[in-house]
PDB file of N, CA and C in Angstrom:
ATOM      1  N   MET A   1     -12.746 -58.954   6.489  1.00  0.00           N
ATOM      2  CA  MET A   1     -12.553 -58.563   8.018  1.00  0.00           C
ATOM      3  C   MET A   1     -12.894 -57.011   8.240  1.00  0.00           C
ATOM      4  N   LYS A   2     -12.299 -56.170   7.287  1.00  0.00           N
ATOM      5  CA  LYS A   2     -12.673 -54.843   7.367  1.00  0.00           C
ATOM      6  C   LYS A   2     -14.138 -54.489   7.304  1.00  0.00           C
ATOM      7  N   ARG A   3     -14.824 -55.038   6.392  1.00  0.00           N
ATOM      8  CA  ARG A   3     -16.143 -54.936   6.125  1.00  0.00           C
ATOM      9  C   ARG A   3     -17.107 -55.363   7.226  1.00  0.00           C
ATOM     10  N   ILE A   4     -16.723 -56.389   8.002  1.00  0.00           N
ATOM     11  CA  ILE A   4     -17.300 -56.905   9.101  1.00  0.00           C
ATOM     12  C   ILE A   4     -17.169 -56.002  10.211  1.00  0.00           C
ATOM     13  N   ALA A   5     -15.905 -55.414  10.339  1.00  0.00           N
ATOM     14  CA  ALA A   5     -15.705 -54.432  11.648  1.00  0.00           C
ATOM     15  C   ALA A   5     -16.501 -53.142  11.344  1.00  0.00           C
ATOM     16  N   LEU A   6     -16.478 -52.749  10.021  1.00  0.00           N
ATOM     17  CA  LEU A   6     -17.422 -51.579   9.766  1.00  0.00           C
ATOM     18  C   LEU A   6     -18.755 -51.766  10.107  1.00  0.00           C
ATOM     19  N   ALA A   7     -19.357 -53.132   9.770  1.00  0.00           N
ATOM     20  CA  ALA A   7     -20.725 -53.471   9.972  1.00  0.00           C
ATOM     21  C   ALA A   7     -20.969 -53.456  11.446  1.00  0.00           C
ATOM     22  N   LYS A   8     -20.040 -53.969  12.175  1.00  0.00           N
ATOM     23  CA  LYS A   8     -20.315 -53.955  13.688  1.00  0.00           C
ATOM     24  C   LYS A   8     -20.523 -52.616  14.157  1.00  0.00           C
ATOM     25  N   ASP A   9     -19.588 -51.675  13.832  1.00  0.00           N
ATOM     26  CA  ASP A   9     -19.671 -50.230  14.262  1.00  0.00           C
ATOM     27  C   ASP A   9     -20.994 -49.702  13.869  1.00  0.00           C
ATOM     28  N   LEU A  10     -21.331 -49.944  12.535  1.00  0.00           N
ATOM     29  CA  LEU A  10     -22.653 -49.350  12.097  1.00  0.00           C
ATOM     30  C   LEU A  10     -23.899 -50.000  13.040  1.00  0.00           C
ATOM     31  N   LEU A  11     -23.865 -51.173  13.266  1.00  0.00           N
ATOM     32  CA  LEU A  11     -24.926 -51.816  13.949  1.00  0.00           C
ATOM     33  C   LEU A  11     -25.063 -51.378  15.390  1.00  0.00           C
ATOM     34  N   VAL A  12     -23.901 -51.148  16.099  1.00  0.00           N
ATOM     35  CA  VAL A  12     -23.850 -50.470  17.333  1.00  0.00           C
ATOM     36  C   VAL A  12     -24.373 -48.969  17.345  1.00  0.00           C
ATOM     37  N   ARG A  13     -24.184 -48.277  16.398  1.00  0.00           N
ATOM     38  CA  ARG A  13     -24.690 -47.015  16.161  1.00  0.00           C
ATOM     39  C   ARG A  13     -26.265 -46.970  15.873  1.00  0.00           C
ATOM     40  N   GLY A  14     -26.779 -48.050  15.834  1.00  0.00           N
ATOM     41  CA  GLY A  14     -28.127 -48.150  15.497  1.00  0.00           C
ATOM     42  C   GLY A  14     -28.771 -48.364  14.058  1.00  0.00           C
ATOM     43  N   THR A  15     -27.832 -48.578  13.127  1.00  0.00           N
ATOM     44  CA  THR A  15     -28.230 -48.779  11.769  1.00  0.00           C
ATOM     45  C   THR A  15     -28.949 -50.091  11.622  1.00  0.00           C
ATOM     46  N   THR A  16     -29.833 -50.166  10.636  1.00  0.00           N
ATOM     47  CA  THR A  16     -30.604 -51.322  10.618  1.00  0.00           C
ATOM     48  C   THR A  16     -29.651 -52.361   9.844  1.00  0.00           C
ATOM     49  N   VAL A  17     -30.091 -53.588   9.819  1.00  0.00           N
ATOM     50  CA  VAL A  17     -29.372 -54.646   9.443  1.00  0.00           C
ATOM     51  C   VAL A  17     -29.058 -54.606   7.849  1.00  0.00           C
ATOM     52  N   THR A  18     -30.260 -54.211   7.293  1.00  0.00           N
ATOM     53  CA  THR A  18     -30.483 -54.045   5.854  1.00  0.00           C
ATOM     54  C   THR A  18     -29.447 -53.056   5.351  1.00  0.00           C
ATOM     55  N   ASP A  19     -29.646 -51.709   6.045  1.00  0.00           N
ATOM     56  CA  ASP A  19     -28.822 -50.669   5.647  1.00  0.00           C
ATOM     57  C   ASP A  19     -27.293 -51.035   5.846  1.00  0.00           C
ATOM     58  N   THR A  20     -27.025 -51.693   6.882  1.00  0.00           N
ATOM     59  CA  THR A  20     -25.641 -52.030   7.260  1.00  0.00           C
ATOM     60  C   THR A  20     -24.991 -52.892   6.264  1.00  0.00           C
ATOM     61  N   CYS A  21     -25.855 -53.774   5.793  1.00  0.00           N
ATOM     62  CA  CYS A  21     -25.423 -54.828   4.699  1.00  0.00           C
ATOM     63  C   CYS A  21     -24.966 -54.034   3.545  1.00  0.00           C
ATOM     64  N   HIS A  22     -25.793 -53.027   3.069  1.00  0.00           N
ATOM     65  CA  HIS A  22     -25.453 -52.367   1.883  1.00  0.00           C
ATOM     66  C   HIS A  22     -24.264 -51.444   2.062  1.00  0.00           C
ATOM     67  N   MET A  23     -24.249 -50.809   3.137  1.00  0.00           N
ATOM     68  CA  MET A  23     -23.265 -49.640   3.494  1.00  0.00           C
ATOM     69  C   MET A  23     -21.784 -50.499   3.766  1.00  0.00           C
ATOM     70  N   ALA A  24     -21.774 -51.733   4.204  1.00  0.00           N
ATOM     71  CA  ALA A  24     -20.649 -52.320   4.449  1.00  0.00           C
ATOM     72  C   ALA A  24     -20.065 -53.075   2.938  1.00  0.00           C
ATOM     73  N   GLY A  25     -20.707 -52.932   2.027  1.00  0.00           N
ATOM     74  CA  GLY A  25     -20.221 -53.324   0.634  1.00  0.00           C
ATOM     75  C   GLY A  25     -20.867 -54.761   0.268  1.00  0.00           C
ATOM     76  N   PHE A  26     -21.832 -55.234   0.954  1.00  0.00           N
ATOM     77  CA  PHE A  26     -22.339 -56.667   0.599  1.00  0.00           C
ATOM     78  C   PHE A  26     -23.636 -56.425  -0.241  1.00  0.00           C
ATOM     79  N   ASN A  27     -23.512 -57.188  -1.295  1.00  0.00           N
ATOM     80  CA  ASN A  27     -24.740 -57.056  -2.344  1.00  0.00           C
ATOM     81  C   ASN A  27     -25.845 -58.060  -2.030  1.00  0.00           C
ATOM     82  N   ASP A  28     -25.527 -59.044  -1.355  1.00  0.00           N
ATOM     83  CA  ASP A  28     -26.350 -60.102  -0.934  1.00  0.00           C
ATOM     84  C   ASP A  28     -26.631 -60.291   0.435  1.00  0.00           C
ATOM     85  N   TYR A  29     -27.920 -59.969   1.059  1.00  0.00           N
ATOM     86  CA  TYR A  29     -28.218 -60.031   2.399  1.00  0.00           C
ATOM     87  C   TYR A  29     -27.935 -61.239   2.998  1.00  0.00           C
ATOM     88  N   SER A  30     -28.448 -62.445   2.426  1.00  0.00           N
ATOM     89  CA  SER A  30     -27.995 -63.766   2.996  1.00  0.00           C
ATOM     90  C   SER A  30     -26.663 -63.965   3.099  1.00  0.00           C
ATOM     91  N   ASN A  31     -25.767 -63.596   2.125  1.00  0.00           N
ATOM     92  CA  ASN A  31     -24.417 -63.709   2.276  1.00  0.00           C
ATOM     93  C   ASN A  31     -23.856 -62.915   3.344  1.00  0.00           C
ATOM     94  N   PHE A  32     -24.313 -61.759   3.538  1.00  0.00           N
ATOM     95  CA  PHE A  32     -23.900 -60.819   4.643  1.00  0.00           C
ATOM     96  C   PHE A  32     -24.019 -61.418   6.037  1.00  0.00           C
ATOM     97  N   ILE A  33     -25.287 -62.135   6.314  1.00  0.00           N
ATOM     98  CA  ILE A  33     -25.734 -62.717   7.427  1.00  0.00           C
ATOM     99  C   ILE A  33     -24.627 -63.767   7.701  1.00  0.00           C
ATOM    100  N   ARG A  34     -24.564 -64.758   6.660  1.00  0.00           N
ATOM    101  CA  ARG A  34     -23.783 -65.855   6.901  1.00  0.00           C
ATOM    102  C   ARG A  34     -22.215 -65.572   7.062  1.00  0.00           C
ATOM    103  N   THR A  35     -21.641 -64.552   6.597  1.00  0.00           N
ATOM    104  CA  THR A  35     -20.440 -64.194   6.688  1.00  0.00           C
ATOM    105  C   THR A  35     -20.072 -63.536   8.063  1.00  0.00           C
ATOM    106  N   PHE A  36     -21.005 -62.625   8.456  1.00  0.00           N
ATOM    107  CA  PHE A  36     -21.028 -61.948   9.768  1.00  0.00           C
ATOM    108  C   PHE A  36     -21.081 -63.013  10.792  1.00  0.00           C
ATOM    109  N   LYS A  37     -22.050 -64.000  10.813  1.00  0.00           N
ATOM    110  CA  LYS A  37     -22.037 -65.005  11.944  1.00  0.00           C
ATOM    111  C   LYS A  37     -20.878 -65.920  11.858  1.00  0.00           C
ATOM    112  N   LYS A  38     -20.249 -66.266  10.759  1.00  0.00           N
ATOM    113  CA  LYS A  38     -19.169 -67.063  10.599  1.00  0.00           C
ATOM    114  C   LYS A  38     -17.809 -66.249  11.284  1.00  0.00           C
ATOM    115  N   ILE A  39     -17.670 -65.121  11.181  1.00  0.00           N
ATOM    116  CA  ILE A  39     -16.674 -64.362  11.626  1.00  0.00           C
ATOM    117  C   ILE A  39     -16.873 -64.021  13.132  1.00  0.00           C
ATOM    118  N   THR A  40     -17.962 -63.512  13.482  1.00  0.00           N
ATOM    119  CA  THR A  40     -18.046 -63.079  14.695  1.00  0.00           C
ATOM    120  C   THR A  40     -18.464 -64.072  15.743  1.00  0.00           C
ATOM    121  N   GLY A  41     -19.301 -65.075  15.109  1.00  0.00           N
ATOM    122  CA  GLY A  41     -19.913 -66.047  15.987  1.00  0.00           C
ATOM    123  C   GLY A  41     -21.356 -65.618  16.443  1.00  0.00           C
ATOM    124  N   TYR A  42     -21.890 -64.406  16.032  1.00  0.00           N
ATOM    125  CA  TYR A  42     -23.128 -63.870  16.388  1.00  0.00           C
ATOM    126  C   TYR A  42     -23.799 -63.327  15.165  1.00  0.00           C
ATOM    127  N   THR A  43     -25.168 -63.215  15.071  1.00  0.00           N
ATOM    128  CA  THR A  43     -25.850 -62.601  14.295  1.00  0.00           C
ATOM    129  C   THR A  43     -25.944 -61.191  14.292  1.00  0.00           C
ATOM    130  N   PRO A  44     -26.084 -60.481  13.198  1.00  0.00           N
ATOM    131  CA  PRO A  44     -26.009 -59.050  13.188  1.00  0.00           C
ATOM    132  C   PRO A  44     -26.970 -58.252  14.369  1.00  0.00           C
ATOM    133  N   ASN A  45     -28.065 -58.748  14.457  1.00  0.00           N
ATOM    134  CA  ASN A  45     -29.099 -58.363  15.611  1.00  0.00           C
ATOM    135  C   ASN A  45     -28.482 -58.465  16.848  1.00  0.00           C
ATOM    136  N   TYR A  46     -27.515 -59.327  17.147  1.00  0.00           N
ATOM    137  CA  TYR A  46     -26.929 -59.323  18.520  1.00  0.00           C
ATOM    138  C   TYR A  46     -26.149 -58.034  18.898  1.00  0.00           C
ATOM    139  N   PHE A  47     -25.695 -57.318  17.792  1.00  0.00           N
ATOM    140  CA  PHE A  47     -24.779 -56.158  17.976  1.00  0.00           C
ATOM    141  C   PHE A  47     -25.642 -54.859  17.812  1.00  0.00           C
ATOM    142  N   ARG A  48     -26.909 -55.116  17.400  1.00  0.00           N
ATOM    143  CA  ARG A  48     -27.777 -53.944  17.245  1.00  0.00           C
ATOM    144  C   ARG A  48     -28.302 -53.479  18.411  1.00  0.00           C
ATOM    145  N   ILE A  49     -28.302 -52.117  18.759  1.00  0.00           N
ATOM    146  CA  ILE A  49     -28.936 -51.622  19.890  1.00  0.00           C
ATOM    147  C   ILE A  49     -30.309 -50.932  19.464  1.00  0.00           C
ATOM    148  N   PRO A  50     -31.359 -51.486  19.968  1.00  0.00           N
ATOM    149  CA  PRO A  50     -32.769 -51.053  19.691  1.00  0.00           C
ATOM    150  C   PRO A  50     -32.871 -49.598  19.961  1.00  0.00           C
ATOM    151  N   VAL A  51     -33.603 -48.825  19.213  1.00  0.00           N
ATOM    152  CA  VAL A  51     -33.902 -47.535  19.547  1.00  0.00           C
ATOM    153  C   VAL A  51     -35.030 -47.413  20.414  1.00  0.00           C
ATOM    154  N   SER A  52     -34.697 -46.773  21.564  1.00  0.00           N
ATOM    155  CA  SER A  52     -36.032 -46.606  22.637  1.00  0.00           C
ATOM    156  C   SER A  52     -37.040 -45.815  22.075  1.00  0.00           C
ATOM    157  N   LYS A  53     -38.270 -46.285  22.489  1.00  0.00           N
ATOM    158  CA  LYS A  53     -39.482 -45.546  22.056  1.00  0.00           C
ATOM    159  C   LYS A  53     -39.765 -44.609  23.136  1.00  0.00           C
ATOM    160  N   LYS A  54     -39.996 -43.455  22.705  1.00  0.00           N
ATOM    161  CA  LYS A  54     -40.445 -42.189  23.623  1.00  0.00           C
ATOM    162  C   LYS A  54     -41.962 -41.921  23.593  1.00  0.00           C
TER     163      LYS A  54
END
């Protein structure tokens, strides 16, 4: 739960899903996606705020 909470925080700050996966302590990307969706009910991209293009 703590790693998923950290991942949500990183995603809201604009970190990529791949970087978030590793920064939150997950070694396997697909396991991260599956676990994240199971706990939150959403995919990581749902929490990610896209960086606006200038």
